[in-house]
PDB file of all heavy atoms in Angstrom:
ATOM      1  N   ARG A   1      -0.030   5.095  -3.464  1.00  0.00           N
ATOM      2  CA  ARG A   1       1.139   4.863  -4.321  1.00  0.00           C
ATOM      3  C   ARG A   1       1.098   5.764  -5.546  1.00  0.00           C
ATOM      4  O   ARG A   1       0.023   6.118  -6.047  1.00  0.00           O
ATOM      5  CB  ARG A   1       1.182   3.397  -4.748  1.00  0.00           C
ATOM      6  CG  ARG A   1       1.274   2.436  -3.561  1.00  0.00           C
ATOM      7  CD  ARG A   1       2.573   2.588  -2.812  1.00  0.00           C
ATOM      8  NE  ARG A   1       2.456   2.110  -1.428  1.00  0.00           N
ATOM      9  CZ  ARG A   1       3.469   2.084  -0.579  1.00  0.00           C
ATOM     10  NH1 ARG A   1       4.660   2.509  -0.942  1.00  0.00           N
ATOM     11  NH2 ARG A   1       3.294   1.656   0.650  1.00  0.00           N
ATOM     12  N   THR A   2       2.272   6.125  -6.043  1.00  0.00           N
ATOM     13  CA  THR A   2       2.348   7.038  -7.182  1.00  0.00           C
ATOM     14  C   THR A   2       1.939   6.374  -8.483  1.00  0.00           C
ATOM     15  O   THR A   2       1.553   7.058  -9.438  1.00  0.00           O
ATOM     16  CB  THR A   2       3.785   7.579  -7.324  1.00  0.00           C
ATOM     17  OG1 THR A   2       4.688   6.465  -7.453  1.00  0.00           O
ATOM     18  CG2 THR A   2       4.168   8.395  -6.102  1.00  0.00           C
ATOM     19  N   GLN A   3       2.020   5.047  -8.552  1.00  0.00           N
ATOM     20  CA  GLN A   3       1.619   4.306  -9.738  1.00  0.00           C
ATOM     21  C   GLN A   3       0.914   3.030  -9.298  1.00  0.00           C
ATOM     22  O   GLN A   3       1.246   2.471  -8.244  1.00  0.00           O
ATOM     23  CB  GLN A   3       2.834   3.945 -10.614  1.00  0.00           C
ATOM     24  CG  GLN A   3       3.574   5.150 -11.172  1.00  0.00           C
ATOM     25  CD  GLN A   3       4.870   4.755 -11.853  1.00  0.00           C
ATOM     26  OE1 GLN A   3       5.242   3.594 -11.873  1.00  0.00           O
ATOM     27  NE2 GLN A   3       5.552   5.749 -12.422  1.00  0.00           N
ATOM     28  N   PRO A   4      -0.051   2.547 -10.079  1.00  0.00           N
ATOM     29  CA  PRO A   4      -0.744   1.309  -9.685  1.00  0.00           C
ATOM     30  C   PRO A   4       0.188   0.108  -9.752  1.00  0.00           C
ATOM     31  O   PRO A   4       1.022  -0.002 -10.657  1.00  0.00           O
ATOM     32  CB  PRO A   4      -1.880   1.203 -10.708  1.00  0.00           C
ATOM     33  CG  PRO A   4      -1.421   2.010 -11.879  1.00  0.00           C
ATOM     34  CD  PRO A   4      -0.602   3.126 -11.316  1.00  0.00           C
ATOM     35  N   GLY A   5       0.049  -0.805  -8.798  1.00  0.00           N
ATOM     36  CA  GLY A   5       0.858  -2.013  -8.775  1.00  0.00           C
ATOM     37  C   GLY A   5       0.229  -3.118  -9.594  1.00  0.00           C
ATOM     38  O   GLY A   5      -0.897  -3.022 -10.082  1.00  0.00           O
ATOM     39  N   LEU A   6       0.981  -4.206  -9.769  1.00  0.00           N
ATOM     40  CA  LEU A   6       0.509  -5.371 -10.515  1.00  0.00           C
ATOM     41  C   LEU A   6       0.188  -6.489  -9.546  1.00  0.00           C
ATOM     42  O   LEU A   6       0.890  -6.678  -8.540  1.00  0.00           O
ATOM     43  CB  LEU A   6       1.587  -5.833 -11.508  1.00  0.00           C
ATOM     44  CG  LEU A   6       1.968  -4.826 -12.604  1.00  0.00           C
ATOM     45  CD1 LEU A   6       3.108  -5.380 -13.451  1.00  0.00           C
ATOM     46  CD2 LEU A   6       0.764  -4.497 -13.469  1.00  0.00           C
ATOM     47  N   PRO A   7      -0.854  -7.274  -9.815  1.00  0.00           N
ATOM     48  CA  PRO A   7      -1.218  -8.365  -8.899  1.00  0.00           C
ATOM     49  C   PRO A   7      -0.238  -9.529  -8.991  1.00  0.00           C
ATOM     50  O   PRO A   7       0.512  -9.657  -9.964  1.00  0.00           O
ATOM     51  CB  PRO A   7      -2.611  -8.774  -9.391  1.00  0.00           C
ATOM     52  CG  PRO A   7      -2.607  -8.417 -10.843  1.00  0.00           C
ATOM     53  CD  PRO A   7      -1.776  -7.180 -10.962  1.00  0.00           C
ATOM     54  N   MET A   8      -0.264 -10.364  -7.998  1.00  0.00           N
ATOM     55  CA  MET A   8       0.570 -11.550  -7.984  1.00  0.00           C
ATOM     56  C   MET A   8       0.078 -12.548  -9.021  1.00  0.00           C
ATOM     57  O   MET A   8      -1.120 -12.670  -9.271  1.00  0.00           O
ATOM     58  CB  MET A   8       0.530 -12.190  -6.588  1.00  0.00           C
ATOM     59  CG  MET A   8       1.332 -13.472  -6.455  1.00  0.00           C
ATOM     60  SD  MET A   8       1.144 -14.224  -4.823  1.00  0.00           S
ATOM     61  CE  MET A   8      -0.594 -14.662  -4.855  1.00  0.00           C
ATOM     62  N   LYS A   9       1.010 -13.279  -9.627  1.00  0.00           N
ATOM     63  CA  LYS A   9       0.650 -14.365 -10.521  1.00  0.00           C
ATOM     64  C   LYS A   9       1.737 -15.431 -10.416  1.00  0.00           C
ATOM     65  O   LYS A   9       2.809 -15.178  -9.848  1.00  0.00           O
ATOM     66  CB  LYS A   9       0.505 -13.867 -11.957  1.00  0.00           C
ATOM     67  CG  LYS A   9       1.800 -13.490 -12.646  1.00  0.00           C
ATOM     68  CD  LYS A   9       1.541 -13.121 -14.093  1.00  0.00           C
ATOM     69  CE  LYS A   9       2.846 -12.889 -14.844  1.00  0.00           C
ATOM     70  NZ  LYS A   9       2.594 -12.564 -16.278  1.00  0.00           N
ATOM     71  N   PRO A  10       1.519 -16.634 -10.940  1.00  0.00           N
ATOM     72  CA  PRO A  10       2.538 -17.691 -10.822  1.00  0.00           C
ATOM     73  C   PRO A  10       3.886 -17.238 -11.360  1.00  0.00           C
ATOM     74  O   PRO A  10       3.987 -16.762 -12.488  1.00  0.00           O
ATOM     75  CB  PRO A  10       1.953 -18.841 -11.657  1.00  0.00           C
ATOM     76  CG  PRO A  10       0.477 -18.637 -11.584  1.00  0.00           C
ATOM     77  CD  PRO A  10       0.275 -17.154 -11.557  1.00  0.00           C
ATOM     78  N   GLY A  11       4.897 -17.351 -10.527  1.00  0.00           N
ATOM     79  CA  GLY A  11       6.249 -16.950 -10.924  1.00  0.00           C
ATOM     80  C   GLY A  11       6.576 -15.501 -10.697  1.00  0.00           C
ATOM     81  O   GLY A  11       7.705 -15.074 -10.977  1.00  0.00           O
ATOM     82  N   ARG A  12       5.619 -14.702 -10.204  1.00  0.00           N
ATOM     83  CA  ARG A  12       5.897 -13.284  -9.983  1.00  0.00           C
ATOM     84  C   ARG A  12       5.151 -12.793  -8.758  1.00  0.00           C
ATOM     85  O   ARG A  12       3.956 -13.065  -8.594  1.00  0.00           O
ATOM     86  CB  ARG A  12       5.475 -12.448 -11.188  1.00  0.00           C
ATOM     87  CG  ARG A  12       5.886 -10.974 -11.091  1.00  0.00           C
ATOM     88  CD  ARG A  12       5.221 -10.144 -12.181  1.00  0.00           C
ATOM     89  NE  ARG A  12       3.787 -10.011 -11.939  1.00  0.00           N
ATOM     90  CZ  ARG A  12       2.936  -9.515 -12.837  1.00  0.00           C
ATOM     91  NH1 ARG A  12       3.376  -9.169 -14.029  1.00  0.00           N
ATOM     92  NH2 ARG A  12       1.648  -9.412 -12.547  1.00  0.00           N
ATOM     93  N   ALA A  13       5.858 -12.085  -7.887  1.00  0.00           N
ATOM     94  CA  ALA A  13       5.233 -11.515  -6.701  1.00  0.00           C
ATOM     95  C   ALA A  13       4.447 -10.267  -7.077  1.00  0.00           C
ATOM     96  O   ALA A  13       4.662  -9.663  -8.134  1.00  0.00           O
ATOM     97  CB  ALA A  13       6.290 -11.170  -5.654  1.00  0.00           C
ATOM     98  N   GLY A  14       3.514  -9.887  -6.232  1.00  0.00           N
ATOM     99  CA  GLY A  14       2.807  -8.632  -6.435  1.00  0.00           C
ATOM    100  C   GLY A  14       3.767  -7.462  -6.352  1.00  0.00           C
ATOM    101  O   GLY A  14       4.820  -7.537  -5.712  1.00  0.00           O
ATOM    102  N   THR A  15       3.431  -6.365  -7.006  1.00  0.00           N
ATOM    103  CA  THR A  15       4.336  -5.214  -7.053  1.00  0.00           C
ATOM    104  C   THR A  15       3.642  -3.965  -6.525  1.00  0.00           C
ATOM    105  O   THR A  15       2.421  -3.838  -6.587  1.00  0.00           O
ATOM    106  CB  THR A  15       4.825  -4.941  -8.490  1.00  0.00           C
ATOM    107  OG1 THR A  15       3.699  -4.594  -9.300  1.00  0.00           O
ATOM    108  CG2 THR A  15       5.500  -6.171  -9.073  1.00  0.00           C
ATOM    109  N   MET A  16       4.439  -3.059  -6.008  1.00  0.00           N
ATOM    110  CA  MET A  16       3.956  -1.750  -5.603  1.00  0.00           C
ATOM    111  C   MET A  16       5.148  -0.791  -5.601  1.00  0.00           C
ATOM    112  O   MET A  16       6.296  -1.205  -5.373  1.00  0.00           O
ATOM    113  CB  MET A  16       3.280  -1.789  -4.230  1.00  0.00           C
ATOM    114  CG  MET A  16       4.167  -2.217  -3.085  1.00  0.00           C
ATOM    115  SD  MET A  16       3.257  -2.520  -1.560  1.00  0.00           S
ATOM    116  CE  MET A  16       2.311  -1.033  -1.393  1.00  0.00           C
ATOM    117  N   THR A  17       4.895   0.472  -5.893  1.00  0.00           N
ATOM    118  CA  THR A  17       5.985   1.434  -5.977  1.00  0.00           C
ATOM    119  C   THR A  17       6.559   1.710  -4.584  1.00  0.00           C
ATOM    120  O   THR A  17       5.874   1.601  -3.578  1.00  0.00           O
ATOM    121  CB  THR A  17       5.490   2.756  -6.590  1.00  0.00           C
ATOM    122  OG1 THR A  17       4.451   3.298  -5.763  1.00  0.00           O
ATOM    123  CG2 THR A  17       4.962   2.533  -7.994  1.00  0.00           C
ATOM    124  N   HIS A  18       7.837   2.075  -4.586  1.00  0.00           N
ATOM    125  CA  HIS A  18       8.491   2.356  -3.302  1.00  0.00           C
ATOM    126  C   HIS A  18       8.134   3.750  -2.778  1.00  0.00           C
ATOM    127  O   HIS A  18       8.261   4.009  -1.586  1.00  0.00           O
ATOM    128  CB  HIS A  18      10.008   2.254  -3.455  1.00  0.00           C
ATOM    129  CG  HIS A  18      10.597   3.328  -4.318  1.00  0.00           C
ATOM    130  ND1 HIS A  18      10.629   3.250  -5.693  1.00  0.00           N
ATOM    131  CD2 HIS A  18      11.156   4.527  -4.007  1.00  0.00           C
ATOM    132  CE1 HIS A  18      11.193   4.332  -6.185  1.00  0.00           C
ATOM    133  NE2 HIS A  18      11.529   5.129  -5.192  1.00  0.00           N
ATOM    134  N   ASP A  19       7.691   4.641  -3.668  1.00  0.00           N
ATOM    135  CA  ASP A  19       7.341   5.983  -3.224  1.00  0.00           C
ATOM    136  C   ASP A  19       5.825   6.108  -3.113  1.00  0.00           C
ATOM    137  O   ASP A  19       5.072   5.271  -3.622  1.00  0.00           O
ATOM    138  CB  ASP A  19       7.906   7.040  -4.175  1.00  0.00           C
ATOM    139  CG  ASP A  19       7.490   6.787  -5.622  1.00  0.00           C
ATOM    140  OD1 ASP A  19       7.020   5.683  -5.914  1.00  0.00           O
ATOM    141  OD2 ASP A  19       7.633   7.702  -6.447  1.00  0.00           O
ATOM    142  N   TYR A  20       5.373   7.148  -2.445  1.00  0.00           N
ATOM    143  CA  TYR A  20       3.954   7.260  -2.128  1.00  0.00           C
ATOM    144  C   TYR A  20       3.563   8.719  -1.965  1.00  0.00           C
ATOM    145  O   TYR A  20       4.405   9.620  -1.905  1.00  0.00           O
ATOM    146  CB  TYR A  20       3.638   6.492  -0.842  1.00  0.00           C
ATOM    147  CG  TYR A  20       4.627   6.739   0.276  1.00  0.00           C
ATOM    148  CD1 TYR A  20       4.564   7.892   1.070  1.00  0.00           C
ATOM    149  CD2 TYR A  20       5.660   5.831   0.527  1.00  0.00           C
ATOM    150  CE1 TYR A  20       5.473   8.121   2.072  1.00  0.00           C
ATOM    151  CE2 TYR A  20       6.585   6.057   1.542  1.00  0.00           C
ATOM    152  CZ  TYR A  20       6.480   7.203   2.301  1.00  0.00           C
ATOM    153  OH  TYR A  20       7.396   7.437   3.295  1.00  0.00           O
ATOM    154  N   LYS A  21       2.254   8.922  -1.904  1.00  0.00           N
ATOM    155  CA  LYS A  21       1.685  10.248  -1.632  1.00  0.00           C
ATOM    156  C   LYS A  21       0.992  10.196  -0.277  1.00  0.00           C
ATOM    157  O   LYS A  21       0.277   9.240   0.017  1.00  0.00           O
ATOM    158  CB  LYS A  21       0.663  10.624  -2.703  1.00  0.00           C
ATOM    159  CG  LYS A  21       1.202  10.641  -4.121  1.00  0.00           C
ATOM    160  CD  LYS A  21       0.067  10.901  -5.101  1.00  0.00           C
ATOM    161  CE  LYS A  21       0.538  10.820  -6.535  1.00  0.00           C
ATOM    162  NZ  LYS A  21      -0.587  10.982  -7.496  1.00  0.00           N
ATOM    163  N   ARG A  22       1.190  11.235   0.531  1.00  0.00           N
ATOM    164  CA  ARG A  22       0.558  11.300   1.845  1.00  0.00           C
ATOM    165  C   ARG A  22      -0.744  12.083   1.751  1.00  0.00           C
ATOM    166  O   ARG A  22      -0.797  13.140   1.140  1.00  0.00           O
ATOM    167  CB  ARG A  22       1.476  11.963   2.865  1.00  0.00           C
ATOM    168  CG  ARG A  22       2.700  11.130   3.231  1.00  0.00           C
ATOM    169  CD  ARG A  22       3.418  11.780   4.404  1.00  0.00           C
ATOM    170  NE  ARG A  22       4.573  11.013   4.834  1.00  0.00           N
ATOM    171  CZ  ARG A  22       5.803  11.234   4.420  1.00  0.00           C
ATOM    172  NH1 ARG A  22       6.047  12.204   3.561  1.00  0.00           N
ATOM    173  NH2 ARG A  22       6.806  10.516   4.866  1.00  0.00           N
ATOM    174  N   HIS A  23      -1.774  11.551   2.384  1.00  0.00           N
ATOM    175  CA  HIS A  23      -3.069  12.227   2.400  1.00  0.00           C
ATOM    176  C   HIS A  23      -3.529  12.517   3.825  1.00  0.00           C
ATOM    177  O   HIS A  23      -4.720  12.583   4.091  1.00  0.00           O
ATOM    178  CB  HIS A  23      -4.118  11.382   1.680  1.00  0.00           C
ATOM    179  CG  HIS A  23      -3.856  11.210   0.218  1.00  0.00           C
ATOM    180  ND1 HIS A  23      -3.841  12.258  -0.673  1.00  0.00           N
ATOM    181  CD2 HIS A  23      -3.570  10.097  -0.510  1.00  0.00           C
ATOM    182  CE1 HIS A  23      -3.583  11.809  -1.890  1.00  0.00           C
ATOM    183  NE2 HIS A  23      -3.412  10.494  -1.820  1.00  0.00           N
ATOM    184  N   GLY A  24      -2.575  12.658   4.751  1.00  0.00           N
ATOM    185  CA  GLY A  24      -2.937  12.980   6.124  1.00  0.00           C
ATOM    186  C   GLY A  24      -2.777  11.787   7.053  1.00  0.00           C
ATOM    187  O   GLY A  24      -2.410  10.682   6.643  1.00  0.00           O
ATOM    188  N   THR A  25      -3.037  12.013   8.312  1.00  0.00           N
ATOM    189  CA  THR A  25      -2.899  10.971   9.335  1.00  0.00           C
ATOM    190  C   THR A  25      -4.143  10.941  10.211  1.00  0.00           C
ATOM    191  O   THR A  25      -4.894  11.915  10.299  1.00  0.00           O
ATOM    192  CB  THR A  25      -1.667  11.229  10.222  1.00  0.00           C
ATOM    193  OG1 THR A  25      -1.832  12.481  10.891  1.00  0.00           O
ATOM    194  CG2 THR A  25      -0.397  11.226   9.401  1.00  0.00           C
ATOM    195  N   THR A  26      -4.326   9.804  10.861  1.00  0.00           N
ATOM    196  CA  THR A  26      -5.411   9.649  11.821  1.00  0.00           C
ATOM    197  C   THR A  26      -4.894   8.904  13.031  1.00  0.00           C
ATOM    198  O   THR A  26      -3.835   8.270  12.982  1.00  0.00           O
ATOM    199  CB  THR A  26      -6.605   8.884  11.196  1.00  0.00           C
ATOM    200  OG1 THR A  26      -7.715   8.916  12.089  1.00  0.00           O
ATOM    201  CG2 THR A  26      -6.234   7.430  10.932  1.00  0.00           C
ATOM    202  N   THR A  27      -5.624   8.977  14.123  1.00  0.00           N
ATOM    203  CA  THR A  27      -5.282   8.265  15.351  1.00  0.00           C
ATOM    204  C   THR A  27      -6.445   7.353  15.708  1.00  0.00           C
ATOM    205  O   THR A  27      -7.588   7.800  15.753  1.00  0.00           O
ATOM    206  CB  THR A  27      -5.004   9.242  16.502  1.00  0.00           C
ATOM    207  OG1 THR A  27      -3.837  10.008  16.203  1.00  0.00           O
ATOM    208  CG2 THR A  27      -4.779   8.487  17.807  1.00  0.00           C
ATOM    209  N   LEU A  28      -6.132   6.092  15.934  1.00  0.00           N
ATOM    210  CA  LEU A  28      -7.158   5.131  16.320  1.00  0.00           C
ATOM    211  C   LEU A  28      -7.110   4.923  17.825  1.00  0.00           C
ATOM    212  O   LEU A  28      -6.110   4.430  18.361  1.00  0.00           O
ATOM    213  CB  LEU A  28      -6.949   3.797  15.605  1.00  0.00           C
ATOM    214  CG  LEU A  28      -7.855   2.655  16.052  1.00  0.00           C
ATOM    215  CD1 LEU A  28      -9.310   2.966  15.760  1.00  0.00           C
ATOM    216  CD2 LEU A  28      -7.444   1.341  15.403  1.00  0.00           C
ATOM    217  N   PHE A  29      -8.174   5.288  18.511  1.00  0.00           N
ATOM    218  CA  PHE A  29      -8.346   4.951  19.917  1.00  0.00           C
ATOM    219  C   PHE A  29      -9.091   3.623  19.976  1.00  0.00           C
ATOM    220  O   PHE A  29     -10.120   3.449  19.305  1.00  0.00           O
ATOM    221  CB  PHE A  29      -9.155   6.033  20.646  1.00  0.00           C
ATOM    222  CG  PHE A  29      -8.402   7.309  20.877  1.00  0.00           C
ATOM    223  CD1 PHE A  29      -8.271   8.251  19.862  1.00  0.00           C
ATOM    224  CD2 PHE A  29      -7.814   7.575  22.103  1.00  0.00           C
ATOM    225  CE1 PHE A  29      -7.584   9.428  20.068  1.00  0.00           C
ATOM    226  CE2 PHE A  29      -7.122   8.755  22.319  1.00  0.00           C
ATOM    227  CZ  PHE A  29      -6.999   9.682  21.298  1.00  0.00           C
ATOM    228  N   ALA A  30      -8.576   2.695  20.759  1.00  0.00           N
ATOM    229  CA  ALA A  30      -9.180   1.361  20.797  1.00  0.00           C
ATOM    230  C   ALA A  30      -9.209   0.850  22.222  1.00  0.00           C
ATOM    231  O   ALA A  30      -8.309   1.115  23.034  1.00  0.00           O
ATOM    232  CB  ALA A  30      -8.403   0.384  19.907  1.00  0.00           C
ATOM    233  N   ALA A  31     -10.272   0.096  22.521  1.00  0.00           N
ATOM    234  CA  ALA A  31     -10.423  -0.569  23.815  1.00  0.00           C
ATOM    235  C   ALA A  31     -10.768  -2.023  23.530  1.00  0.00           C
ATOM    236  O   ALA A  31     -11.827  -2.316  22.964  1.00  0.00           O
ATOM    237  CB  ALA A  31     -11.519   0.098  24.646  1.00  0.00           C
ATOM    238  N   LEU A  32      -9.862  -2.928  23.892  1.00  0.00           N
ATOM    239  CA  LEU A  32     -10.056  -4.361  23.679  1.00  0.00           C
ATOM    240  C   LEU A  32     -10.682  -4.983  24.918  1.00  0.00           C
ATOM    241  O   LEU A  32     -10.128  -4.890  26.017  1.00  0.00           O
ATOM    242  CB  LEU A  32      -8.715  -5.035  23.374  1.00  0.00           C
ATOM    243  CG  LEU A  32      -8.717  -6.563  23.327  1.00  0.00           C
ATOM    244  CD1 LEU A  32      -9.512  -7.060  22.127  1.00  0.00           C
ATOM    245  CD2 LEU A  32      -7.292  -7.101  23.286  1.00  0.00           C
TER     246      LEU A  32
END
């Protein structure tokens, strides 16, 4: 996120910015 969010507290939901920075992608191979 471009700015740090605020934690949840009574009467207010947690916050996070709508925009973001990309640092690449990965692929998860999984066998269940």
